[in-house]
Amino acid sequence: MPKRLRDLRLCVMAVAAVVDRAVAPINGQDGLNLANHYKSALLLALVGFALLSVGDALVKTMAGVWPGIAIGALRYVFGAVGLGVALLVREGRAGFRFPRLRWQIVRGASVAVSAMSFFTAVQVMPIGEATAISFTSPMITALLAALILREPMRKETWIASGMAFVGVLVILRPNFLMLGPAALLPVIAATGMALLMIANRKVAGMGSALSMQFNVALIGAICLVSATVAGHFGGLAFMQLTVPPASVAIKSVAIAVTASTAHMLIYLATTRAGPAAIAPMTYVQLLMAGMFGWVLFGERPDFAAATGSLVIVGAGIYLWRSGRAPPEPAMTD
């Protein structure tokens, strides 16, 4: 136990160092209020991204107890119910609208693909490595923006995408030998989140943040429940359902609460400092995932995993500094 506490202390110190570096640039700005506003935005983003990793860790504790896709279905059902109640209280029946329905369906389907892939990934491979691979989402978003939205592809986008691809290969090499195609699940999850970012642009400004969050949760829940039922009755061994123990339901509620709270905090952070300002804080999620994997599950990254993760993080930072990062930070759930 003392050794694990020491490991936890080291990880917390690493997170604190990231926060200090993120806050440092504001010291030379004029105006105490502006500095405090900026600091509060970074703190909100820090807590938000940390909560996302808490949810991922809870998913991993259910490995072998219930299928990842079924956990995702429960998470989004509970999330949709909670958001629906909040939307009804705040906006009344007028808040339940689905402008640009086709793009709303794309949003829900994309988040469903991402959730079922990532939740399954963290159950079969180290949580830190799965999270690191999912951080290719900004690069995939930039590529899809060129294909779908016809945005111009700059040299920096190609360089960042190439770097991220190399990082993914470095991490996947040992995992692919052990897991086979299942090792590609985080890449599929990252692609789902990238499609969500693209679809978000198509419905931007069409409703309140709460109504947009409810829409994606409801459609995502429908997709995930449908896929879970189809997988169970389709005879897929890894998707066979049993009556879940109470702990699964409780943890799924906790995941829904932490994820919804995280998204709200990240949204509030972007309103105070803008997406570009808080984008570097997304890497706190990677640090937290590594910490949980190390302290809770005994998953110590090897040299290949650490190297690949650093390459992917470097690609993301390079893309962000070049001004081509997506308008929203990438999130795993």
Protein backbone atom coordinates (compact mmCIF):
# COMPACT_ATOMS: atom_id res chain seq x y z
CA MET A 1 0.00 0.00 0.00
CA PRO A 2 2.76 2.58 0.83
CA LYS A 3 4.28 1.99 -2.61
CA ARG A 4 0.95 2.61 -4.34
CA LEU A 5 0.45 5.77 -2.29
CA ARG A 6 3.90 6.92 -3.34
CA ASP A 7 3.02 6.24 -7.00
CA LEU A 8 -0.24 8.19 -6.56
CA ARG A 9 1.68 11.12 -5.03
CA LEU A 10 4.10 11.19 -7.97
CA CYS A 11 1.22 11.17 -10.47
CA VAL A 12 -0.57 13.99 -8.64
CA MET A 13 2.65 16.02 -8.69
CA ALA A 14 2.87 15.47 -12.45
CA VAL A 15 -0.70 16.75 -12.92
CA ALA A 16 0.11 19.80 -10.76
CA ALA A 17 3.14 20.51 -12.95
CA VAL A 18 0.91 20.51 -16.06
CA VAL A 19 -1.47 22.98 -14.42
CA ASP A 20 1.40 25.26 -13.38
CA ARG A 21 2.73 25.35 -16.95
CA ALA A 22 -0.73 26.06 -18.32
CA VAL A 23 -1.35 28.94 -15.90
CA ALA A 24 2.11 30.50 -16.19
CA PRO A 25 1.49 32.45 -19.44
CA ILE A 26 -1.15 34.63 -17.82
CA ASN A 27 1.17 36.12 -15.20
CA GLY A 28 2.27 38.91 -17.48
CA GLN A 29 -1.25 39.93 -18.49
CA ASP A 30 -2.76 43.14 -17.24
CA GLY A 31 -5.77 42.98 -15.00
CA LEU A 32 -6.30 40.69 -12.02
CA ASN A 33 -9.88 39.89 -13.04
CA LEU A 34 -8.79 38.63 -16.46
CA ALA A 35 -6.13 36.43 -14.86
CA ASN A 36 -8.58 35.00 -12.33
CA HIS A 37 -11.11 34.34 -15.10
CA TYR A 38 -8.49 32.48 -17.09
CA LYS A 39 -7.35 30.49 -14.06
CA SER A 40 -10.91 29.48 -13.23
CA ALA A 41 -11.41 28.29 -16.82
CA LEU A 42 -8.30 26.11 -16.61
CA LEU A 43 -9.45 24.72 -13.27
CA LEU A 44 -12.88 23.87 -14.67
CA ALA A 45 -11.27 22.13 -17.65
CA LEU A 46 -8.86 20.28 -15.37
CA VAL A 47 -11.68 18.89 -13.23
CA GLY A 48 -13.78 18.10 -16.30
CA PHE A 49 -11.12 16.06 -18.08
CA ALA A 50 -10.14 14.34 -14.83
CA LEU A 51 -13.77 13.26 -14.33
CA LEU A 52 -13.78 11.66 -17.78
CA SER A 53 -10.89 9.46 -16.68
CA VAL A 54 -12.77 8.57 -13.50
CA GLY A 55 -15.58 7.22 -15.67
CA ASP A 56 -13.13 5.24 -17.81
CA ALA A 57 -11.61 3.69 -14.68
CA LEU A 58 -15.07 2.68 -13.47
CA VAL A 59 -15.68 0.96 -16.81
CA LYS A 60 -12.48 -1.02 -16.41
CA THR A 61 -13.51 -2.25 -12.96
CA MET A 62 -16.44 -4.00 -14.67
CA ALA A 63 -14.25 -6.01 -17.07
CA GLY A 64 -15.53 -9.58 -17.23
CA VAL A 65 -18.71 -8.66 -15.36
CA TRP A 66 -20.71 -7.07 -18.19
CA PRO A 67 -19.95 -6.29 -21.86
CA GLY A 68 -18.52 -2.85 -22.57
CA ILE A 69 -21.24 -2.08 -25.13
CA ALA A 70 -23.96 -2.87 -22.57
CA ILE A 71 -22.26 -0.62 -20.01
CA GLY A 72 -22.20 2.13 -22.64
CA ALA A 73 -25.91 1.60 -23.28
CA LEU A 74 -26.74 1.93 -19.58
CA ARG A 75 -24.51 4.99 -19.27
CA TYR A 76 -26.30 6.81 -22.10
CA VAL A 77 -29.78 5.72 -21.02
CA PHE A 78 -29.17 7.13 -17.55
CA GLY A 79 -27.54 10.21 -19.08
CA ALA A 80 -30.44 10.83 -21.46
CA VAL A 81 -32.98 10.53 -18.63
CA GLY A 82 -31.07 12.93 -16.40
CA LEU A 83 -30.48 15.46 -19.17
CA GLY A 84 -34.10 15.14 -20.27
CA VAL A 85 -35.37 16.03 -16.81
CA ALA A 86 -32.98 18.98 -16.63
CA LEU A 87 -34.04 20.16 -20.09
CA LEU A 88 -37.74 19.91 -19.22
CA VAL A 89 -37.27 21.94 -16.05
CA ARG A 90 -35.12 24.59 -17.72
CA GLU A 91 -36.68 24.99 -21.18
CA GLY A 92 -39.99 23.13 -21.04
CA ARG A 93 -41.33 21.10 -23.96
CA ALA A 94 -39.91 23.65 -26.41
CA GLY A 95 -36.42 22.41 -25.63
CA PHE A 96 -37.07 18.98 -27.12
CA ARG A 97 -36.26 19.77 -30.73
CA PHE A 98 -34.02 18.00 -33.25
CA PRO A 99 -32.92 20.61 -35.81
CA ARG A 100 -31.12 19.12 -38.82
CA LEU A 101 -32.25 15.64 -37.81
CA ARG A 102 -29.88 13.80 -40.13
CA TRP A 103 -26.87 15.45 -38.52
CA GLN A 104 -28.33 14.82 -35.07
CA ILE A 105 -28.49 11.13 -35.97
CA VAL A 106 -24.88 11.27 -37.13
CA ARG A 107 -23.94 12.83 -33.79
CA GLY A 108 -25.72 10.14 -31.80
CA ALA A 109 -24.43 7.27 -33.94
CA SER A 110 -20.88 8.62 -33.77
CA VAL A 111 -20.89 8.88 -29.98
CA ALA A 112 -22.39 5.37 -29.80
CA VAL A 113 -19.60 3.92 -31.94
CA SER A 114 -17.03 5.75 -29.85
CA ALA A 115 -18.53 4.61 -26.54
CA MET A 116 -18.92 0.94 -27.46
CA SER A 117 -15.40 0.83 -28.90
CA PHE A 118 -13.65 2.68 -26.08
CA PHE A 119 -15.53 0.98 -23.24
CA THR A 120 -14.62 -2.39 -24.70
CA ALA A 121 -11.02 -1.27 -25.30
CA VAL A 122 -10.36 -0.28 -21.68
CA GLN A 123 -11.63 -3.69 -20.58
CA VAL A 124 -9.19 -5.65 -22.76
CA MET A 125 -6.07 -3.44 -22.82
CA PRO A 126 -4.28 -1.00 -20.47
CA ILE A 127 -6.39 2.10 -19.88
CA GLY A 128 -3.44 4.46 -20.41
CA GLU A 129 -2.62 2.99 -23.81
CA ALA A 130 -6.27 3.03 -24.93
CA THR A 131 -6.57 6.66 -23.87
CA ALA A 132 -3.32 7.61 -25.61
CA ILE A 133 -4.49 6.12 -28.92
CA SER A 134 -7.85 7.91 -28.59
CA PHE A 135 -5.92 11.20 -28.59
CA THR A 136 -5.49 10.80 -32.33
CA SER A 137 -9.02 12.22 -32.57
CA PRO A 138 -7.90 15.83 -33.32
CA MET A 139 -5.79 14.63 -36.24
CA ILE A 140 -8.59 12.42 -37.57
CA THR A 141 -10.98 15.37 -37.19
CA ALA A 142 -8.70 17.55 -39.30
CA LEU A 143 -8.55 14.86 -42.01
CA LEU A 144 -12.32 14.35 -41.99
CA ALA A 145 -12.90 18.11 -42.08
CA ALA A 146 -11.00 18.17 -45.37
CA LEU A 147 -12.97 15.23 -46.79
CA ILE A 148 -16.46 16.13 -45.53
CA LEU A 149 -16.41 19.89 -44.97
CA ARG A 150 -13.96 20.59 -47.83
CA GLU A 151 -11.67 22.51 -45.53
CA PRO A 152 -8.17 23.02 -46.95
CA MET A 153 -5.47 20.62 -45.73
CA ARG A 154 -2.34 22.42 -44.66
CA LYS A 155 1.16 21.01 -44.38
CA GLU A 156 0.91 21.04 -40.58
CA THR A 157 -2.13 18.76 -40.66
CA TRP A 158 -0.31 16.14 -42.73
CA ILE A 159 2.75 16.30 -40.45
CA ALA A 160 0.67 15.95 -37.26
CA SER A 161 -1.36 13.09 -38.75
CA GLY A 162 1.79 11.26 -39.80
CA MET A 163 3.30 11.69 -36.32
CA ALA A 164 0.11 10.41 -34.67
CA PHE A 165 0.01 7.41 -37.03
CA VAL A 166 3.58 6.50 -36.06
CA GLY A 167 2.71 6.82 -32.36
CA VAL A 168 -0.32 4.55 -32.79
CA LEU A 169 1.79 1.92 -34.57
CA VAL A 170 4.36 1.99 -31.76
CA ILE A 171 1.66 1.42 -29.11
CA LEU A 172 -0.31 -1.11 -31.16
CA ARG A 173 2.60 -3.34 -32.13
CA PRO A 174 2.75 -5.40 -28.90
CA ASN A 175 -1.00 -5.11 -28.27
CA PHE A 176 -1.91 -6.30 -31.77
CA LEU A 177 0.20 -9.43 -31.29
CA MET A 178 -1.69 -10.24 -28.08
CA LEU A 179 -5.21 -8.95 -28.84
CA GLY A 180 -5.48 -9.10 -32.62
CA PRO A 181 -7.98 -6.71 -34.28
CA ALA A 182 -9.41 -5.77 -30.85
CA ALA A 183 -6.33 -3.58 -30.39
CA LEU A 184 -7.77 -1.26 -33.05
CA LEU A 185 -10.81 -0.40 -30.89
CA PRO A 186 -9.33 2.90 -29.58
CA VAL A 187 -8.72 3.99 -33.19
CA ILE A 188 -12.38 3.30 -33.98
CA ALA A 189 -13.36 5.25 -30.84
CA ALA A 190 -11.20 8.19 -31.92
CA THR A 191 -12.81 8.14 -35.38
CA GLY A 192 -16.26 8.18 -33.78
CA MET A 193 -15.36 11.23 -31.71
CA ALA A 194 -13.92 12.92 -34.80
CA LEU A 195 -17.20 12.38 -36.66
CA LEU A 196 -19.03 13.82 -33.66
CA MET A 197 -16.89 16.98 -33.87
CA ILE A 198 -17.69 17.30 -37.58
CA ALA A 199 -21.41 16.83 -36.97
CA ASN A 200 -21.32 19.31 -34.08
CA ARG A 201 -20.19 21.98 -36.52
CA LYS A 202 -23.22 21.27 -38.71
CA VAL A 203 -25.67 21.88 -35.83
CA ALA A 204 -23.78 24.66 -34.05
CA GLY A 205 -26.10 27.44 -32.88
CA MET A 206 -29.25 25.41 -33.58
CA GLY A 207 -30.17 25.06 -29.90
CA SER A 208 -28.96 25.46 -26.33
CA ALA A 209 -25.97 23.51 -25.07
CA LEU A 210 -28.29 21.48 -22.84
CA SER A 211 -30.65 20.54 -25.67
CA MET A 212 -27.74 19.58 -27.93
CA GLN A 213 -26.28 17.40 -25.18
CA PHE A 214 -29.67 15.74 -24.62
CA ASN A 215 -30.10 15.07 -28.33
CA VAL A 216 -26.78 13.28 -28.68
CA ALA A 217 -27.36 11.32 -25.45
CA LEU A 218 -30.84 10.16 -26.50
CA ILE A 219 -29.86 9.10 -30.02
CA GLY A 220 -26.66 7.55 -28.71
CA ALA A 221 -28.66 5.57 -26.15
CA ILE A 222 -31.06 4.29 -28.83
CA CYS A 223 -28.13 3.18 -31.01
CA LEU A 224 -26.30 1.51 -28.14
CA VAL A 225 -29.37 -0.32 -26.82
CA SER A 226 -30.20 -1.53 -30.33
CA ALA A 227 -26.62 -2.74 -30.90
CA THR A 228 -26.53 -4.45 -27.48
CA VAL A 229 -29.78 -6.35 -28.14
CA ALA A 230 -28.69 -7.28 -31.66
CA GLY A 231 -25.34 -8.55 -30.40
CA HIS A 232 -26.93 -10.62 -27.65
CA PHE A 233 -29.48 -12.33 -29.87
CA GLY A 234 -26.96 -12.56 -32.69
CA GLY A 235 -25.01 -15.07 -30.66
CA LEU A 236 -21.82 -13.04 -30.25
CA ALA A 237 -20.01 -14.54 -27.27
CA PHE A 238 -18.49 -11.30 -25.99
CA MET A 239 -21.89 -9.54 -26.11
CA GLN A 240 -23.95 -12.09 -24.20
CA LEU A 241 -26.01 -10.45 -21.46
CA THR A 242 -26.91 -11.67 -18.00
CA VAL A 243 -28.88 -9.92 -15.28
CA PRO A 244 -26.38 -7.30 -14.10
CA PRO A 245 -25.45 -7.11 -10.43
CA ALA A 246 -26.44 -3.98 -8.56
CA SER A 247 -22.84 -2.76 -8.70
CA VAL A 248 -23.03 -2.49 -12.52
CA ALA A 249 -26.14 -0.31 -12.37
CA ILE A 250 -24.65 1.89 -9.63
CA LYS A 251 -21.36 2.32 -11.48
CA SER A 252 -23.19 3.06 -14.74
CA VAL A 253 -25.14 5.82 -13.00
CA ALA A 254 -21.85 7.15 -11.62
CA ILE A 255 -20.32 7.12 -15.11
CA ALA A 256 -23.33 9.01 -16.50
CA VAL A 257 -23.11 11.61 -13.72
CA THR A 258 -19.34 12.10 -13.99
CA ALA A 259 -19.45 12.28 -17.80
CA SER A 260 -22.35 14.75 -17.90
CA THR A 261 -20.71 16.87 -15.21
CA ALA A 262 -17.41 16.74 -17.09
CA HIS A 263 -19.00 17.91 -20.33
CA MET A 264 -20.75 20.75 -18.49
CA LEU A 265 -17.50 21.88 -16.82
CA ILE A 266 -15.59 21.74 -20.09
CA TYR A 267 -18.34 23.73 -21.80
CA LEU A 268 -18.20 26.37 -19.04
CA ALA A 269 -14.42 26.50 -19.40
CA THR A 270 -14.67 27.16 -23.13
CA THR A 271 -17.11 30.03 -22.50
CA ARG A 272 -14.59 31.67 -20.16
CA ALA A 273 -11.33 31.17 -22.04
CA GLY A 274 -12.18 29.65 -25.44
CA PRO A 275 -11.49 26.16 -26.82
CA ALA A 276 -7.93 26.98 -27.91
CA ALA A 277 -6.96 28.15 -24.41
CA ILE A 278 -8.14 24.98 -22.66
CA ALA A 279 -7.09 22.51 -25.39
CA PRO A 280 -3.74 21.66 -23.67
CA MET A 281 -5.67 20.63 -20.56
CA THR A 282 -7.01 17.59 -22.45
CA TYR A 283 -3.68 15.91 -21.73
CA VAL A 284 -4.56 15.87 -18.04
CA GLN A 285 -6.96 13.09 -19.05
CA LEU A 286 -4.03 11.07 -20.36
CA LEU A 287 -2.07 11.62 -17.15
CA MET A 288 -5.08 10.60 -15.04
CA ALA A 289 -5.64 7.48 -17.16
CA GLY A 290 -2.01 6.50 -16.69
CA MET A 291 -2.27 7.13 -12.95
CA PHE A 292 -5.42 5.02 -12.57
CA GLY A 293 -3.93 2.24 -14.66
CA TRP A 294 -0.75 2.22 -12.57
CA VAL A 295 -2.25 2.63 -9.08
CA LEU A 296 -5.56 0.75 -9.40
CA PHE A 297 -4.83 -1.94 -11.98
CA GLY A 298 -1.08 -2.40 -11.81
CA GLU A 299 -0.63 -1.40 -15.49
CA ARG A 300 2.85 0.04 -15.81
CA PRO A 301 3.55 1.37 -19.32
CA ASP A 302 6.51 -0.18 -21.10
CA PHE A 303 8.99 1.78 -23.19
CA ALA A 304 6.99 1.33 -26.42
CA ALA A 305 3.74 2.53 -24.83
CA ALA A 306 5.41 5.56 -23.24
CA THR A 307 7.20 6.47 -26.48
CA GLY A 308 4.08 6.10 -28.60
CA SER A 309 2.03 8.17 -26.15
CA LEU A 310 4.60 10.98 -26.21
CA VAL A 311 4.60 10.96 -30.03
CA ILE A 312 0.78 11.23 -30.14
CA VAL A 313 0.77 14.00 -27.52
CA GLY A 314 3.48 15.82 -29.46
CA ALA A 315 1.41 15.57 -32.64
CA GLY A 316 -1.61 17.02 -30.87
CA ILE A 317 0.37 19.89 -29.38
CA TYR A 318 1.95 20.61 -32.76
CA LEU A 319 -1.46 20.69 -34.43
CA TRP A 320 -2.88 22.92 -31.69
CA ARG A 321 0.02 25.38 -31.90
CA SER A 322 -0.33 25.53 -35.68
CA GLY A 323 -3.91 26.75 -35.25
CA ARG A 324 -5.53 23.76 -36.92
CA ALA A 325 -6.89 22.00 -33.88
CA PRO A 326 -10.66 21.31 -33.87
CA PRO A 327 -12.93 23.89 -32.19
CA GLU A 328 -13.69 21.49 -29.34
CA PRO A 329 -11.29 19.38 -27.28
CA ALA A 330 -11.42 15.65 -27.97
CA MET A 331 -13.20 13.59 -25.30
CA THR A 332 -13.34 9.81 -24.94
CA ASP A 333 -16.86 9.57 -23.69
